[in-house]
């Protein structure tokens, strides 16, 4: 089985060396880029499965790099953000980052987050199994192919957006708590004051558009969670 290829984009050479060594011990194939321009070129090469991208870099920062990556690639991107800097996290998530880890972080935590993303973006299935779609309202999803359509119109989701929407559609007509969405969609426990779910769902709603009556098919249930309308 081929090794999972990780791209590390960070100007902190010492930290990159530390994370690279740890990730390689965990069985990953790691490539490092120490500036934004090099990171974009590597990310768009198609050689990597996941990118780990630092926000604070000189010349071209991580937000700018993410914007360039998302213009033509849906590869999973994990952002490294300054602890307590909520604005960078929210902007990153709005631009299509899949998750974030506050710095300083432990290599063990980073590996756990990467594996959580991989579990959701690289589902294992047999080529002999029928591809059974999920359907609710005008939405159809093929989880095995990571593909979705609304009334026959192809939809372009990031890996995390697809994960969260899949959880909601599998529970269409029922309220799903943010705790469950975080555990099943992000692969991690919900942290206090974490707005990741809200930001991702805002993007999903925008991409889905509205129903004929003007409502979103994803409804907020006050103090309980979210519900995908079952029609």
C-alpha atoms as a PDB file:
ATOM      1  CA  UNK A   1       0.000   0.000   0.000  1.00  0.00           C
ATOM      2  CA  UNK A   2       1.492   3.403  -0.977  1.00  0.00           C
ATOM      3  CA  UNK A   3       2.504   5.779   1.803  1.00  0.00           C
ATOM      4  CA  UNK A   4       0.303   8.798   2.469  1.00  0.00           C
ATOM      5  CA  UNK A   5       2.081  11.910   1.197  1.00  0.00           C
ATOM      6  CA  UNK A   6       2.066  14.963   3.455  1.00  0.00           C
ATOM      7  CA  UNK A   7       3.080  18.477   2.398  1.00  0.00           C
ATOM      8  CA  UNK A   8       4.396  20.733   5.210  1.00  0.00           C
ATOM      9  CA  UNK A   9       4.414  24.460   4.402  1.00  0.00           C
ATOM     10  CA  UNK A  10       6.074  26.524   7.138  1.00  0.00           C
ATOM     11  CA  UNK A  11       8.992  28.969   7.262  1.00  0.00           C
ATOM     12  CA  UNK A  12      10.064  27.704  10.701  1.00  0.00           C
ATOM     13  CA  UNK A  13      12.804  25.324   9.577  1.00  0.00           C
ATOM     14  CA  UNK A  14      13.415  23.903  13.044  1.00  0.00           C
ATOM     15  CA  UNK A  15       9.724  23.116  13.561  1.00  0.00           C
ATOM     16  CA  UNK A  16       9.433  21.614  10.077  1.00  0.00           C
ATOM     17  CA  UNK A  17      12.397  19.320  10.747  1.00  0.00           C
ATOM     18  CA  UNK A  18      10.806  18.194  14.027  1.00  0.00           C
ATOM     19  CA  UNK A  19       7.374  17.536  12.496  1.00  0.00           C
ATOM     20  CA  UNK A  20       8.863  15.888   9.399  1.00  0.00           C
ATOM     21  CA  UNK A  21      10.886  13.441  11.496  1.00  0.00           C
ATOM     22  CA  UNK A  22       7.864  12.561  13.640  1.00  0.00           C
ATOM     23  CA  UNK A  23       5.504  12.153  10.676  1.00  0.00           C
ATOM     24  CA  UNK A  24       7.995   9.909   8.901  1.00  0.00           C
ATOM     25  CA  UNK A  25       8.268   7.754  12.032  1.00  0.00           C
ATOM     26  CA  UNK A  26       4.476   7.428  11.863  1.00  0.00           C
ATOM     27  CA  UNK A  27       4.693   6.075   8.316  1.00  0.00           C
ATOM     28  CA  UNK A  28       4.045   9.201   6.234  1.00  0.00           C
ATOM     29  CA  UNK A  29       5.993  10.384   3.203  1.00  0.00           C
ATOM     30  CA  UNK A  30       6.733  14.065   3.928  1.00  0.00           C
ATOM     31  CA  UNK A  31       7.767  16.938   1.653  1.00  0.00           C
ATOM     32  CA  UNK A  32       8.623  20.325   3.166  1.00  0.00           C
ATOM     33  CA  UNK A  33       8.224  23.784   1.631  1.00  0.00           C
ATOM     34  CA  UNK A  34       9.564  26.811   3.506  1.00  0.00           C
ATOM     35  CA  UNK A  35       7.675  29.612   1.760  1.00  0.00           C
ATOM     36  CA  UNK A  36       4.271  30.262   0.248  1.00  0.00           C
ATOM     37  CA  UNK A  37       5.285  30.246  -3.408  1.00  0.00           C
ATOM     38  CA  UNK A  38       6.996  26.866  -3.107  1.00  0.00           C
ATOM     39  CA  UNK A  39       4.044  25.563  -1.087  1.00  0.00           C
ATOM     40  CA  UNK A  40       1.558  26.480  -3.815  1.00  0.00           C
ATOM     41  CA  UNK A  41       3.651  24.804  -6.507  1.00  0.00           C
ATOM     42  CA  UNK A  42       3.934  21.608  -4.459  1.00  0.00           C
ATOM     43  CA  UNK A  43       0.257  21.619  -3.452  1.00  0.00           C
ATOM     44  CA  UNK A  44      -0.886  21.935  -7.067  1.00  0.00           C
ATOM     45  CA  UNK A  45       1.520  19.268  -8.317  1.00  0.00           C
ATOM     46  CA  UNK A  46      -0.931  16.507  -7.435  1.00  0.00           C
ATOM     47  CA  UNK A  47       1.743  14.572  -5.561  1.00  0.00           C
ATOM     48  CA  UNK A  48       0.352  15.067  -2.043  1.00  0.00           C
ATOM     49  CA  UNK A  49      -2.646  13.754  -0.113  1.00  0.00           C
ATOM     50  CA  UNK A  50      -2.823  16.398   2.641  1.00  0.00           C
ATOM     51  CA  UNK A  51      -1.230  19.832   3.119  1.00  0.00           C
ATOM     52  CA  UNK A  52      -0.297  21.239   6.542  1.00  0.00           C
ATOM     53  CA  UNK A  53      -0.089  25.005   6.106  1.00  0.00           C
ATOM     54  CA  UNK A  54       1.176  27.630   8.567  1.00  0.00           C
ATOM     55  CA  UNK A  55      -0.712  30.935   8.595  1.00  0.00           C
ATOM     56  CA  UNK A  56       2.181  33.159   9.717  1.00  0.00           C
ATOM     57  CA  UNK A  57       4.749  33.241   6.935  1.00  0.00           C
ATOM     58  CA  UNK A  58       6.634  36.218   5.431  1.00  0.00           C
ATOM     59  CA  UNK A  59       5.949  37.587   1.929  1.00  0.00           C
ATOM     60  CA  UNK A  60       2.994  35.303   1.182  1.00  0.00           C
ATOM     61  CA  UNK A  61       1.104  34.191   4.273  1.00  0.00           C
ATOM     62  CA  UNK A  62      -0.870  31.001   4.736  1.00  0.00           C
ATOM     63  CA  UNK A  63      -4.247  32.622   4.022  1.00  0.00           C
ATOM     64  CA  UNK A  64      -3.003  33.794   0.612  1.00  0.00           C
ATOM     65  CA  UNK A  65      -1.519  30.365  -0.079  1.00  0.00           C
ATOM     66  CA  UNK A  66      -4.789  28.646   0.849  1.00  0.00           C
ATOM     67  CA  UNK A  67      -6.718  30.957  -1.469  1.00  0.00           C
ATOM     68  CA  UNK A  68      -4.430  30.006  -4.379  1.00  0.00           C
ATOM     69  CA  UNK A  69      -4.726  26.285  -3.579  1.00  0.00           C
ATOM     70  CA  UNK A  70      -8.517  26.400  -3.335  1.00  0.00           C
ATOM     71  CA  UNK A  71      -8.776  28.158  -6.698  1.00  0.00           C
ATOM     72  CA  UNK A  72      -7.945  24.873  -8.411  1.00  0.00           C
ATOM     73  CA  UNK A  73      -7.640  22.057  -5.856  1.00  0.00           C
ATOM     74  CA  UNK A  74      -9.801  20.333  -3.253  1.00  0.00           C
ATOM     75  CA  UNK A  75      -6.923  18.571  -1.498  1.00  0.00           C
ATOM     76  CA  UNK A  76      -7.405  18.528   2.298  1.00  0.00           C
ATOM     77  CA  UNK A  77      -5.648  21.437   4.013  1.00  0.00           C
ATOM     78  CA  UNK A  78      -4.911  21.611   7.746  1.00  0.00           C
ATOM     79  CA  UNK A  79      -4.011  25.097   8.981  1.00  0.00           C
ATOM     80  CA  UNK A  80      -1.503  25.861  11.761  1.00  0.00           C
ATOM     81  CA  UNK A  81      -2.745  29.006  13.520  1.00  0.00           C
ATOM     82  CA  UNK A  82      -1.538  31.114  16.432  1.00  0.00           C
ATOM     83  CA  UNK A  83      -3.219  30.055  19.652  1.00  0.00           C
ATOM     84  CA  UNK A  84      -6.157  32.339  20.395  1.00  0.00           C
ATOM     85  CA  UNK A  85      -6.185  33.959  16.936  1.00  0.00           C
ATOM     86  CA  UNK A  86      -9.817  33.290  16.079  1.00  0.00           C
ATOM     87  CA  UNK A  87      -9.843  35.590  13.043  1.00  0.00           C
ATOM     88  CA  UNK A  88      -7.202  33.573  11.168  1.00  0.00           C
ATOM     89  CA  UNK A  89      -9.093  30.374  11.931  1.00  0.00           C
ATOM     90  CA  UNK A  90     -12.438  31.720  10.744  1.00  0.00           C
ATOM     91  CA  UNK A  91     -10.987  33.247   7.570  1.00  0.00           C
ATOM     92  CA  UNK A  92      -9.114  30.023   6.842  1.00  0.00           C
ATOM     93  CA  UNK A  93     -12.237  27.910   7.292  1.00  0.00           C
ATOM     94  CA  UNK A  94     -14.266  30.289   5.142  1.00  0.00           C
ATOM     95  CA  UNK A  95     -11.682  29.945   2.370  1.00  0.00           C
ATOM     96  CA  UNK A  96     -11.936  26.156   2.489  1.00  0.00           C
ATOM     97  CA  UNK A  97      -9.473  24.888   5.096  1.00  0.00           C
ATOM     98  CA  UNK A  98     -10.558  21.490   6.417  1.00  0.00           C
ATOM     99  CA  UNK A  99      -9.384  21.955   9.986  1.00  0.00           C
ATOM    100  CA  UNK A 100      -6.860  23.849  12.081  1.00  0.00           C
ATOM    101  CA  UNK A 101      -4.411  23.153  14.897  1.00  0.00           C
ATOM    102  CA  UNK A 102      -3.300  25.970  17.244  1.00  0.00           C
ATOM    103  CA  UNK A 103       0.469  26.502  17.592  1.00  0.00           C
ATOM    104  CA  UNK A 104       2.441  25.476  19.481  1.00  0.00           C
ATOM    105  CA  UNK A 105       1.125  21.994  18.883  1.00  0.00           C
ATOM    106  CA  UNK A 106       2.507  18.575  19.694  1.00  0.00           C
ATOM    107  CA  UNK A 107       3.456  16.285  16.799  1.00  0.00           C
ATOM    108  CA  UNK A 108       1.113  13.695  18.279  1.00  0.00           C
ATOM    109  CA  UNK A 109      -1.868  16.062  18.046  1.00  0.00           C
ATOM    110  CA  UNK A 110      -0.990  16.955  14.454  1.00  0.00           C
ATOM    111  CA  UNK A 111      -0.813  13.276  13.475  1.00  0.00           C
ATOM    112  CA  UNK A 112      -4.190  12.636  15.101  1.00  0.00           C
ATOM    113  CA  UNK A 113      -5.783  15.486  13.138  1.00  0.00           C
ATOM    114  CA  UNK A 114      -4.217  14.314   9.868  1.00  0.00           C
ATOM    115  CA  UNK A 115      -5.445  10.768  10.393  1.00  0.00           C
ATOM    116  CA  UNK A 116      -8.938  12.058  11.223  1.00  0.00           C
ATOM    117  CA  UNK A 117      -9.016  13.889   7.889  1.00  0.00           C
ATOM    118  CA  UNK A 118      -7.701  10.845   6.035  1.00  0.00           C
ATOM    119  CA  UNK A 119     -10.308   8.531   7.579  1.00  0.00           C
ATOM    120  CA  UNK A 120     -13.030  10.737   6.169  1.00  0.00           C
ATOM    121  CA  UNK A 121     -11.489  11.588   2.796  1.00  0.00           C
ATOM    122  CA  UNK A 122     -10.176   8.171   1.819  1.00  0.00           C
ATOM    123  CA  UNK A 123     -12.995   5.732   2.648  1.00  0.00           C
ATOM    124  CA  UNK A 124     -12.209   2.110   1.912  1.00  0.00           C
ATOM    125  CA  UNK A 125     -14.623   0.206  -0.281  1.00  0.00           C
ATOM    126  CA  UNK A 126     -14.547  -2.710  -2.684  1.00  0.00           C
ATOM    127  CA  UNK A 127     -14.776  -1.970  -6.395  1.00  0.00           C
ATOM    128  CA  UNK A 128     -17.290  -4.804  -6.575  1.00  0.00           C
ATOM    129  CA  UNK A 129     -19.683  -3.109  -4.156  1.00  0.00           C
ATOM    130  CA  UNK A 130     -22.551  -1.182  -5.740  1.00  0.00           C
ATOM    131  CA  UNK A 131     -22.293   2.576  -5.368  1.00  0.00           C
ATOM    132  CA  UNK A 132     -25.397   3.308  -3.306  1.00  0.00           C
ATOM    133  CA  UNK A 133     -26.270   7.019  -3.267  1.00  0.00           C
ATOM    134  CA  UNK A 134     -27.701   8.983  -0.384  1.00  0.00           C
ATOM    135  CA  UNK A 135     -30.667  11.175  -1.287  1.00  0.00           C
ATOM    136  CA  UNK A 136     -32.682  13.837   0.516  1.00  0.00           C
ATOM    137  CA  UNK A 137     -34.681  16.680  -1.000  1.00  0.00           C
ATOM    138  CA  UNK A 138     -32.953  17.430  -4.336  1.00  0.00           C
ATOM    139  CA  UNK A 139     -29.534  16.374  -3.053  1.00  0.00           C
ATOM    140  CA  UNK A 140     -27.843  13.139  -4.101  1.00  0.00           C
ATOM    141  CA  UNK A 141     -24.490  12.055  -2.658  1.00  0.00           C
ATOM    142  CA  UNK A 142     -22.167   9.188  -3.602  1.00  0.00           C
ATOM    143  CA  UNK A 143     -19.891   8.849  -0.529  1.00  0.00           C
ATOM    144  CA  UNK A 144     -17.630   6.241  -2.144  1.00  0.00           C
ATOM    145  CA  UNK A 145     -16.867   8.632  -4.995  1.00  0.00           C
ATOM    146  CA  UNK A 146     -16.909  11.791  -2.863  1.00  0.00           C
ATOM    147  CA  UNK A 147     -19.431  13.240  -5.331  1.00  0.00           C
ATOM    148  CA  UNK A 148     -22.637  15.218  -4.856  1.00  0.00           C
ATOM    149  CA  UNK A 149     -25.345  16.788  -7.028  1.00  0.00           C
ATOM    150  CA  UNK A 150     -28.280  19.118  -6.404  1.00  0.00           C
ATOM    151  CA  UNK A 151     -31.113  18.528  -8.881  1.00  0.00           C
ATOM    152  CA  UNK A 152     -28.534  17.087 -11.273  1.00  0.00           C
ATOM    153  CA  UNK A 153     -26.129  20.015 -10.831  1.00  0.00           C
ATOM    154  CA  UNK A 154     -22.637  18.967  -9.681  1.00  0.00           C
ATOM    155  CA  UNK A 155     -21.533  20.448  -6.354  1.00  0.00           C
ATOM    156  CA  UNK A 156     -17.968  21.275  -5.381  1.00  0.00           C
ATOM    157  CA  UNK A 157     -17.291  20.677  -1.675  1.00  0.00           C
ATOM    158  CA  UNK A 158     -14.100  20.544   0.334  1.00  0.00           C
ATOM    159  CA  UNK A 159     -13.480  17.212   2.039  1.00  0.00           C
ATOM    160  CA  UNK A 160     -14.720  18.484   5.409  1.00  0.00           C
ATOM    161  CA  UNK A 161     -17.828  20.082   3.912  1.00  0.00           C
ATOM    162  CA  UNK A 162     -18.636  16.775   2.231  1.00  0.00           C
ATOM    163  CA  UNK A 163     -18.136  14.918   5.528  1.00  0.00           C
ATOM    164  CA  UNK A 164     -20.451  17.212   7.479  1.00  0.00           C
ATOM    165  CA  UNK A 165     -23.127  17.187   4.806  1.00  0.00           C
ATOM    166  CA  UNK A 166     -22.991  13.390   4.630  1.00  0.00           C
ATOM    167  CA  UNK A 167     -23.635  13.158   8.384  1.00  0.00           C
ATOM    168  CA  UNK A 168     -26.636  15.474   8.070  1.00  0.00           C
ATOM    169  CA  UNK A 169     -28.092  13.651   5.063  1.00  0.00           C
ATOM    170  CA  UNK A 170     -27.722  10.256   6.737  1.00  0.00           C
ATOM    171  CA  UNK A 171     -29.828  11.731   9.543  1.00  0.00           C
ATOM    172  CA  UNK A 172     -32.216  13.729   7.329  1.00  0.00           C
ATOM    173  CA  UNK A 173     -35.307  14.823   9.253  1.00  0.00           C
ATOM    174  CA  UNK A 174     -33.519  14.484  12.607  1.00  0.00           C
ATOM    175  CA  UNK A 175     -31.547  17.050  14.569  1.00  0.00           C
ATOM    176  CA  UNK A 176     -27.809  16.370  14.737  1.00  0.00           C
ATOM    177  CA  UNK A 177     -25.888  17.982  17.582  1.00  0.00           C
ATOM    178  CA  UNK A 178     -22.660  19.908  17.013  1.00  0.00           C
ATOM    179  CA  UNK A 179     -20.926  17.321  19.194  1.00  0.00           C
ATOM    180  CA  UNK A 180     -21.922  14.513  16.826  1.00  0.00           C
ATOM    181  CA  UNK A 181     -21.093  16.608  13.756  1.00  0.00           C
ATOM    182  CA  UNK A 182     -17.620  17.309  15.115  1.00  0.00           C
ATOM    183  CA  UNK A 183     -16.950  13.690  16.058  1.00  0.00           C
ATOM    184  CA  UNK A 184     -18.287  12.171  12.827  1.00  0.00           C
ATOM    185  CA  UNK A 185     -17.569  14.991  10.374  1.00  0.00           C
ATOM    186  CA  UNK A 186     -14.281  16.381  11.684  1.00  0.00           C
ATOM    187  CA  UNK A 187     -13.052  13.245  13.424  1.00  0.00           C
ATOM    188  CA  UNK A 188     -12.423  15.017  16.718  1.00  0.00           C
ATOM    189  CA  UNK A 189     -14.214  16.079  19.878  1.00  0.00           C
ATOM    190  CA  UNK A 190     -15.966  19.426  19.885  1.00  0.00           C
ATOM    191  CA  UNK A 191     -13.842  22.066  21.605  1.00  0.00           C
ATOM    192  CA  UNK A 192     -15.394  24.794  23.707  1.00  0.00           C
ATOM    193  CA  UNK A 193     -16.120  27.977  21.716  1.00  0.00           C
ATOM    194  CA  UNK A 194     -15.150  26.177  18.476  1.00  0.00           C
ATOM    195  CA  UNK A 195     -16.965  27.808  15.538  1.00  0.00           C
ATOM    196  CA  UNK A 196     -15.634  25.460  12.855  1.00  0.00           C
ATOM    197  CA  UNK A 197     -18.952  23.653  12.378  1.00  0.00           C
ATOM    198  CA  UNK A 198     -20.870  26.922  11.946  1.00  0.00           C
ATOM    199  CA  UNK A 199     -18.404  28.287   9.391  1.00  0.00           C
ATOM    200  CA  UNK A 200     -18.350  25.081   7.347  1.00  0.00           C
ATOM    201  CA  UNK A 201     -22.152  24.832   7.341  1.00  0.00           C
ATOM    202  CA  UNK A 202     -22.461  28.447   6.231  1.00  0.00           C
ATOM    203  CA  UNK A 203     -20.344  27.581   3.196  1.00  0.00           C
ATOM    204  CA  UNK A 204     -22.367  24.420   2.525  1.00  0.00           C
ATOM    205  CA  UNK A 205     -25.631  26.383   2.638  1.00  0.00           C
ATOM    206  CA  UNK A 206     -24.248  28.902   0.157  1.00  0.00           C
ATOM    207  CA  UNK A 207     -23.251  26.160  -2.268  1.00  0.00           C
ATOM    208  CA  UNK A 208     -26.589  24.341  -1.974  1.00  0.00           C
ATOM    209  CA  UNK A 209     -28.709  27.446  -2.471  1.00  0.00           C
ATOM    210  CA  UNK A 210     -32.319  27.567  -1.269  1.00  0.00           C
ATOM    211  CA  UNK A 211     -35.485  25.543  -1.670  1.00  0.00           C
ATOM    212  CA  UNK A 212     -38.392  26.840  -3.756  1.00  0.00           C
ATOM    213  CA  UNK A 213     -39.906  28.505  -0.683  1.00  0.00           C
ATOM    214  CA  UNK A 214     -36.645  30.355   0.003  1.00  0.00           C
ATOM    215  CA  UNK A 215     -35.579  28.270   2.985  1.00  0.00           C
ATOM    216  CA  UNK A 216     -32.227  26.591   3.381  1.00  0.00           C
ATOM    217  CA  UNK A 217     -32.413  22.807   3.385  1.00  0.00           C
ATOM    218  CA  UNK A 218     -30.145  22.911   6.460  1.00  0.00           C
ATOM    219  CA  UNK A 219     -32.004  24.350   9.420  1.00  0.00           C
ATOM    220  CA  UNK A 220     -30.516  25.520  12.718  1.00  0.00           C
ATOM    221  CA  UNK A 221     -32.305  23.991  15.717  1.00  0.00           C
ATOM    222  CA  UNK A 222     -31.809  26.424  18.597  1.00  0.00           C
ATOM    223  CA  UNK A 223     -29.431  25.076  21.248  1.00  0.00           C
ATOM    224  CA  UNK A 224     -29.645  21.564  19.752  1.00  0.00           C
ATOM    225  CA  UNK A 225     -27.791  21.476  16.452  1.00  0.00           C
ATOM    226  CA  UNK A 226     -28.663  21.276  12.775  1.00  0.00           C
ATOM    227  CA  UNK A 227     -31.165  19.374  10.674  1.00  0.00           C
ATOM    228  CA  UNK A 228     -31.293  18.577   6.976  1.00  0.00           C
ATOM    229  CA  UNK A 229     -34.885  18.948   5.795  1.00  0.00           C
ATOM    230  CA  UNK A 230     -36.317  15.642   4.609  1.00  0.00           C
ATOM    231  CA  UNK A 231     -38.799  15.981   1.749  1.00  0.00           C
END
